[in-house]
Each structure stands twice: as structure tokens, then as C-alpha cells.
């Protein structure tokens, strides 16, 4: 399971304050904590408190600051093409970048796929197009095919594409998780090699009272359906334990009585 840590995000107060003050210490600490807890990549998002005209510079600062402590992949999280280019350019100086994200809307898909090719970056493709978030399995698959076709056209390896079926909050779209589970299984049949599948797990439980329980239960279900990657909080120990146990039950790791400790040790020696 490829874990993208979600916590270097200006929407979290501590990181938002650090970005505004250009204080590197909280960013370094959060990067190191997430990696030690098992993150394989770090999502980088400057948030909304930074004025729009300053977000390119803020993204460059945030990526450079994170790169001071790790060369693991960085997921550049912005809807702005200009800010994305700036972040990818900095991330790619040491290690790999991931575009988070593009939609299936034709003009955006074209522009972001060109960036993925230019920077040899991974790319997250959302099940969204001109009509909004795709609501049905068939609509999500159609957008997924469009994204895969664009990747091939722009010589972006299919295994660098992460399709995101979009998980909506449970408290306002209770049927959505079941649709996403069906979509994950069918996304795997869109190409050979199969694209990878990612979800933004925390979106599922927004506004719900049992957020940790909802998140870890769905993560296990999605893994059984074929999920490859998740953007979530790796500092949630119970969530990590559920994820590692699911990998064991799916025969993706070798059993030992100390399998949880072995997982954490393997992450700390990277």
C-alpha cells in the first residue's frame, strides 16, 4: 500500500502558520513524523490562507523546505497549473514529483499530462469532468479511460497514473462508497499494465462523528477491491494497524507474530 501523508497542508493550523511565518521547523518535524509512521510520499499543499498572488512562491518555499529532510516523492497538491509547475520543478531536483491532480476535463487534462511528461512525474486523475463529479460507475470508468488515453498520447507510463474515483462524504452521499468500491475493481481492467488507484480517504468521513472508525473500515474494504494508494494521516496508529493487517490478510506480506512491529521497523530504516 502506497501511503501519501496528508499533513503538510496549510489547512492544518500549525502548518498554515509555519507557511505564513516561513518557519521551517514545523514542516521538517511533520515530514519526519509522517515518514517514520510509514508514509511513502508526502502531499504538499499551501492551503488557502496564502494570498493567490503569493502561492507560487509559497509552494516553492514549502517544497524546498520539505526537500531539506527527505528525497521521498512529493505530491504537489494544487489546481493551479502555474503553481503546479513551480512545485514540480523544485520537487524534481531531488526525488520524484506527483501531480495532485488533474480532472478529465479536456483542457486541464492536456495541460497537466504535458507537465507529467516533462517532469517524469506521477499523476492523479480525478473522476471529474465538465459535468462535475461522476456519480455512476460507468461515468467514472469513462473518465478513467479518457485519462489513460491521454497518458498514452503524452508518453506518460500507465503505471505512473493514479486514478481517483472520488469518495464523497458519507453523511451526504451514503451510496457513494459502494459505487467507489465497484469502480476500483473495474478501473483495474482499463489497461495492461493496470493503472494504480488512489483515494483521498479523509473526504469520506468529513462531518461524521466516527471519523477514525469510518476511515479505517473503508480503507480495508477498498484494499480488498484493489486499492493501491491512499492519501491519509499516517499518524493515525489504528488506521495504520488496520491497513497493515489487511495487507497480511490479502497475502501481500508474510505473517509473523510481530508483523506490526516489523512494518514500522521497515519504514524507519528507509
Protein backbone atom coordinates (compact mmCIF):
# COMPACT_ATOMS: atom_id res chain seq x y z
CA UNK A 1 0.00 0.00 0.00
CA UNK A 2 1.45 3.33 -1.10
CA UNK A 3 0.66 5.88 1.61
CA UNK A 4 0.67 9.60 0.81
CA UNK A 5 0.82 11.58 4.03
CA UNK A 6 -1.71 14.42 4.08
CA UNK A 7 -0.41 16.61 6.90
CA UNK A 8 1.88 19.12 5.13
CA UNK A 9 -1.11 21.19 4.25
CA UNK A 10 -1.78 24.82 5.03
CA UNK A 11 -5.33 23.90 6.03
CA UNK A 12 -3.87 22.48 9.25
CA UNK A 13 -3.27 25.44 11.57
CA UNK A 14 0.29 24.57 12.61
CA UNK A 15 1.47 24.17 9.02
CA UNK A 16 -0.53 27.17 7.84
CA UNK A 17 1.10 29.33 10.50
CA UNK A 18 4.54 27.98 9.53
CA UNK A 19 3.99 28.82 5.85
CA UNK A 20 2.96 32.39 6.63
CA UNK A 21 5.90 32.86 9.01
CA UNK A 22 8.40 30.97 6.81
CA UNK A 23 9.17 28.81 9.87
CA UNK A 24 10.85 25.62 8.67
CA UNK A 25 10.82 23.69 11.93
CA UNK A 26 7.12 22.59 11.99
CA UNK A 27 7.38 21.49 8.34
CA UNK A 28 10.55 19.48 8.98
CA UNK A 29 9.01 17.86 12.05
CA UNK A 30 5.77 16.93 10.29
CA UNK A 31 7.63 15.48 7.31
CA UNK A 32 9.82 13.35 9.55
CA UNK A 33 6.91 12.20 11.72
CA UNK A 34 4.86 11.07 8.73
CA UNK A 35 7.76 9.24 7.10
CA UNK A 36 8.63 7.47 10.35
CA UNK A 37 4.97 6.42 10.66
CA UNK A 38 5.01 4.80 7.22
CA UNK A 39 4.32 7.47 4.58
CA UNK A 40 5.81 6.62 1.18
CA UNK A 41 5.19 10.12 -0.21
CA UNK A 42 4.14 13.49 1.21
CA UNK A 43 1.32 15.67 -0.06
CA UNK A 44 2.31 19.34 -0.28
CA UNK A 45 -0.48 21.93 -0.18
CA UNK A 46 -0.06 25.60 0.75
CA UNK A 47 -3.72 25.95 1.73
CA UNK A 48 -5.97 28.96 1.30
CA UNK A 49 -4.58 31.45 3.81
CA UNK A 50 -1.77 32.43 1.47
CA UNK A 51 -2.92 35.18 -0.96
CA UNK A 52 -3.33 33.87 -4.51
CA UNK A 53 -0.58 36.08 -5.88
CA UNK A 54 1.88 34.61 -3.34
CA UNK A 55 1.07 30.91 -3.77
CA UNK A 56 3.76 30.12 -6.34
CA UNK A 57 6.46 31.46 -4.01
CA UNK A 58 4.82 29.72 -1.04
CA UNK A 59 4.76 26.40 -2.87
CA UNK A 60 8.43 26.75 -3.82
CA UNK A 61 9.32 27.51 -0.20
CA UNK A 62 7.25 24.60 1.12
CA UNK A 63 8.70 22.09 -1.35
CA UNK A 64 12.26 23.30 -0.77
CA UNK A 65 11.75 23.13 2.99
CA UNK A 66 10.40 19.58 2.82
CA UNK A 67 13.21 18.54 0.48
CA UNK A 68 15.71 19.55 3.18
CA UNK A 69 14.72 16.44 5.15
CA UNK A 70 13.67 13.88 2.50
CA UNK A 71 14.05 12.80 -1.10
CA UNK A 72 10.86 10.69 -0.98
CA UNK A 73 8.19 11.51 -3.62
CA UNK A 74 6.27 14.74 -3.10
CA UNK A 75 2.66 15.07 -4.24
CA UNK A 76 2.13 18.66 -5.38
CA UNK A 77 -1.44 19.47 -4.42
CA UNK A 78 -2.87 22.46 -6.31
CA UNK A 79 -5.40 23.21 -9.04
CA UNK A 80 -3.19 25.97 -10.48
CA UNK A 81 -1.07 25.00 -13.47
CA UNK A 82 1.49 27.71 -12.69
CA UNK A 83 1.80 26.68 -9.05
CA UNK A 84 1.98 23.02 -10.08
CA UNK A 85 4.85 23.69 -12.47
CA UNK A 86 6.76 25.60 -9.79
CA UNK A 87 6.26 22.83 -7.24
CA UNK A 88 7.21 20.03 -9.63
CA UNK A 89 10.34 21.86 -10.75
CA UNK A 90 11.51 22.13 -7.13
CA UNK A 91 10.45 18.60 -6.15
CA UNK A 92 12.19 17.04 -9.17
CA UNK A 93 15.59 18.47 -8.23
CA UNK A 94 15.92 15.65 -5.70
CA UNK A 95 13.50 12.75 -5.97
CA UNK A 96 10.18 12.42 -7.80
CA UNK A 97 7.08 14.55 -8.05
CA UNK A 98 3.42 13.56 -8.31
CA UNK A 99 0.77 15.82 -9.83
CA UNK A 100 -2.23 16.01 -7.49
CA UNK A 101 -4.28 16.37 -9.55
CA UNK A 102 -5.97 16.70 -12.92
CA UNK A 103 -9.59 16.21 -13.89
CA UNK A 104 -10.87 14.59 -17.05
CA UNK A 105 -11.82 18.00 -18.46
CA UNK A 106 -10.12 18.17 -21.85
CA UNK A 107 -8.07 21.36 -21.50
CA UNK A 108 -6.88 20.60 -17.96
CA UNK A 109 -6.07 17.00 -18.82
CA UNK A 110 -3.96 18.09 -21.78
CA UNK A 111 -2.03 20.69 -19.79
CA UNK A 112 -1.30 18.53 -16.76
CA UNK A 113 -0.34 15.46 -18.81
CA UNK A 114 2.23 17.61 -20.62
CA UNK A 115 3.69 18.51 -17.22
CA UNK A 116 3.76 14.84 -16.18
CA UNK A 117 5.75 14.01 -19.30
CA UNK A 118 8.09 16.99 -18.90
CA UNK A 119 8.97 16.22 -15.28
CA UNK A 120 8.65 12.41 -15.43
CA UNK A 121 6.05 12.74 -12.70
CA UNK A 122 3.26 10.58 -11.45
CA UNK A 123 -0.22 11.99 -11.94
CA UNK A 124 -3.52 11.64 -10.08
CA UNK A 125 -6.56 11.69 -12.37
CA UNK A 126 -9.90 12.55 -10.75
CA UNK A 127 -13.30 11.22 -11.80
CA UNK A 128 -14.45 14.74 -12.57
CA UNK A 129 -15.14 16.40 -15.92
CA UNK A 130 -17.14 19.29 -17.36
CA UNK A 131 -20.27 17.82 -15.76
CA UNK A 132 -18.81 17.67 -12.26
CA UNK A 133 -18.08 14.62 -10.10
CA UNK A 134 -19.06 11.44 -11.92
CA UNK A 135 -21.85 9.79 -9.93
CA UNK A 136 -22.09 6.33 -11.52
CA UNK A 137 -19.60 3.52 -12.09
CA UNK A 138 -19.97 3.87 -15.86
CA UNK A 139 -19.36 7.62 -15.76
CA UNK A 140 -16.25 7.15 -13.61
CA UNK A 141 -14.95 4.47 -15.97
CA UNK A 142 -15.48 6.72 -19.00
CA UNK A 143 -13.38 9.47 -17.41
CA UNK A 144 -10.79 6.90 -16.34
CA UNK A 145 -10.45 5.71 -19.93
CA UNK A 146 -10.07 9.31 -21.08
CA UNK A 147 -7.25 9.84 -18.58
CA UNK A 148 -5.46 6.62 -19.58
CA UNK A 149 -5.75 7.52 -23.28
CA UNK A 150 -4.28 10.94 -22.60
CA UNK A 151 -1.38 9.40 -20.67
CA UNK A 152 -0.58 7.12 -23.59
CA UNK A 153 -0.82 10.02 -26.04
CA UNK A 154 1.66 12.06 -23.97
CA UNK A 155 4.01 9.12 -23.35
CA UNK A 156 3.30 9.03 -19.62
CA UNK A 157 3.65 5.43 -18.39
CA UNK A 158 0.31 3.97 -17.33
CA UNK A 159 1.85 2.74 -14.10
CA UNK A 160 2.61 6.39 -13.26
CA UNK A 161 -1.12 7.19 -13.39
CA UNK A 162 -3.21 7.03 -10.23
CA UNK A 163 -6.95 7.07 -10.91
CA UNK A 164 -9.05 8.59 -8.14
CA UNK A 165 -12.73 7.53 -8.23
CA UNK A 166 -13.57 10.38 -5.80
CA UNK A 167 -15.01 9.42 -2.47
CA UNK A 168 -17.72 11.83 -1.29
CA UNK A 169 -18.64 12.45 2.38
CA UNK A 170 -20.70 9.59 3.75
CA UNK A 171 -23.09 11.88 5.61
CA UNK A 172 -24.39 13.41 2.38
CA UNK A 173 -23.85 10.59 -0.16
CA UNK A 174 -24.35 7.24 1.57
CA UNK A 175 -24.46 5.26 -1.69
CA UNK A 176 -21.13 6.70 -2.86
CA UNK A 177 -18.78 4.28 -1.04
CA UNK A 178 -20.37 1.24 -2.68
CA UNK A 179 -20.08 2.89 -6.10
CA UNK A 180 -16.41 3.66 -5.43
CA UNK A 181 -15.70 0.05 -4.43
CA UNK A 182 -17.22 -1.20 -7.70
CA UNK A 183 -15.26 1.41 -9.64
CA UNK A 184 -11.94 0.43 -8.06
CA UNK A 185 -12.37 -3.16 -9.19
CA UNK A 186 -13.29 -2.13 -12.73
CA UNK A 187 -10.56 0.52 -13.07
CA UNK A 188 -8.08 -2.36 -12.90
CA UNK A 189 -9.40 -3.70 -16.20
CA UNK A 190 -8.93 -0.48 -18.18
CA UNK A 191 -5.39 -1.23 -19.36
CA UNK A 192 -2.47 -3.62 -19.19
CA UNK A 193 -0.50 -2.82 -17.13
CA UNK A 194 -3.35 -1.68 -14.92
CA UNK A 195 -3.43 1.88 -13.64
CA UNK A 196 -2.96 2.38 -9.94
CA UNK A 197 -5.91 3.50 -7.83
CA UNK A 198 -5.82 6.16 -5.11
CA UNK A 199 -8.41 7.74 -2.82
CA UNK A 200 -8.41 10.80 -0.60
CA UNK A 201 -9.58 8.82 2.40
CA UNK A 202 -10.33 11.69 4.78
CA UNK A 203 -13.01 13.07 2.44
CA UNK A 204 -15.22 10.09 3.27
CA UNK A 205 -15.72 10.99 6.93
CA UNK A 206 -15.99 14.78 6.71
CA UNK A 207 -18.70 15.94 9.08
CA UNK A 208 -19.21 12.46 10.57
CA UNK A 209 -18.98 11.69 14.28
CA UNK A 210 -16.97 8.45 13.99
CA UNK A 211 -14.28 9.61 11.57
CA UNK A 212 -11.44 7.21 12.53
CA UNK A 213 -13.70 4.15 12.51
CA UNK A 214 -15.29 5.05 9.18
CA UNK A 215 -11.91 5.74 7.59
CA UNK A 216 -10.19 2.53 8.64
CA UNK A 217 -13.20 0.33 7.83
CA UNK A 218 -13.50 1.72 4.32
CA UNK A 219 -9.75 1.59 3.72
CA UNK A 220 -9.74 -2.16 4.38
CA UNK A 221 -12.76 -2.67 2.10
CA UNK A 222 -11.13 -0.62 -0.67
CA UNK A 223 -7.88 -2.56 -0.38
CA UNK A 224 -9.80 -5.80 -0.86
CA UNK A 225 -11.34 -4.27 -4.02
CA UNK A 226 -7.90 -3.45 -5.43
CA UNK A 227 -6.89 -0.05 -3.98
CA UNK A 228 -3.16 0.69 -4.34
CA UNK A 229 -2.74 4.02 -2.61
CA UNK A 230 -4.37 6.32 -0.10
CA UNK A 231 -3.92 9.94 0.90
CA UNK A 232 -4.46 9.95 4.65
CA UNK A 233 -2.93 10.67 8.06
CA UNK A 234 -0.18 8.08 8.69
CA UNK A 235 0.00 9.26 12.31
CA UNK A 236 -3.35 7.54 12.95
CA UNK A 237 -1.96 4.37 14.54
CA UNK A 238 -5.20 2.37 14.45
CA UNK A 239 -5.68 3.21 10.78
CA UNK A 240 -2.14 2.05 10.02
CA UNK A 241 -2.67 -1.16 12.01
CA UNK A 242 -5.84 -1.90 10.02
CA UNK A 243 -4.03 -1.23 6.73
CA UNK A 244 -1.05 -3.45 7.58
CA UNK A 245 -3.35 -6.24 8.79
CA UNK A 246 -5.38 -6.03 5.58
CA UNK A 247 -2.19 -6.42 3.53
CA UNK A 248 -1.38 -9.52 5.59
CA UNK A 249 -4.86 -11.00 5.07
CA UNK A 250 -4.64 -10.28 1.35
CA UNK A 251 -1.39 -12.29 1.26
CA UNK A 252 0.73 -9.29 0.32
CA UNK A 253 3.07 -9.68 3.29
CA UNK A 254 4.48 -12.65 5.17
CA UNK A 255 2.95 -13.48 8.55
CA UNK A 256 4.88 -13.22 11.80
CA UNK A 257 3.65 -12.64 15.32
CA UNK A 258 5.38 -9.26 15.25
CA UNK A 259 4.13 -8.16 11.81
CA UNK A 260 3.04 -4.71 13.03
CA UNK A 261 6.42 -4.01 14.61
CA UNK A 262 8.16 -5.36 11.51
CA UNK A 263 6.20 -2.94 9.31
CA UNK A 264 7.19 0.06 11.41
CA UNK A 265 10.81 -1.02 11.59
CA UNK A 266 10.95 -1.36 7.79
CA UNK A 267 9.75 2.23 7.41
CA UNK A 268 12.25 3.64 9.90
CA UNK A 269 15.29 2.16 8.13
CA UNK A 270 14.50 3.65 4.69
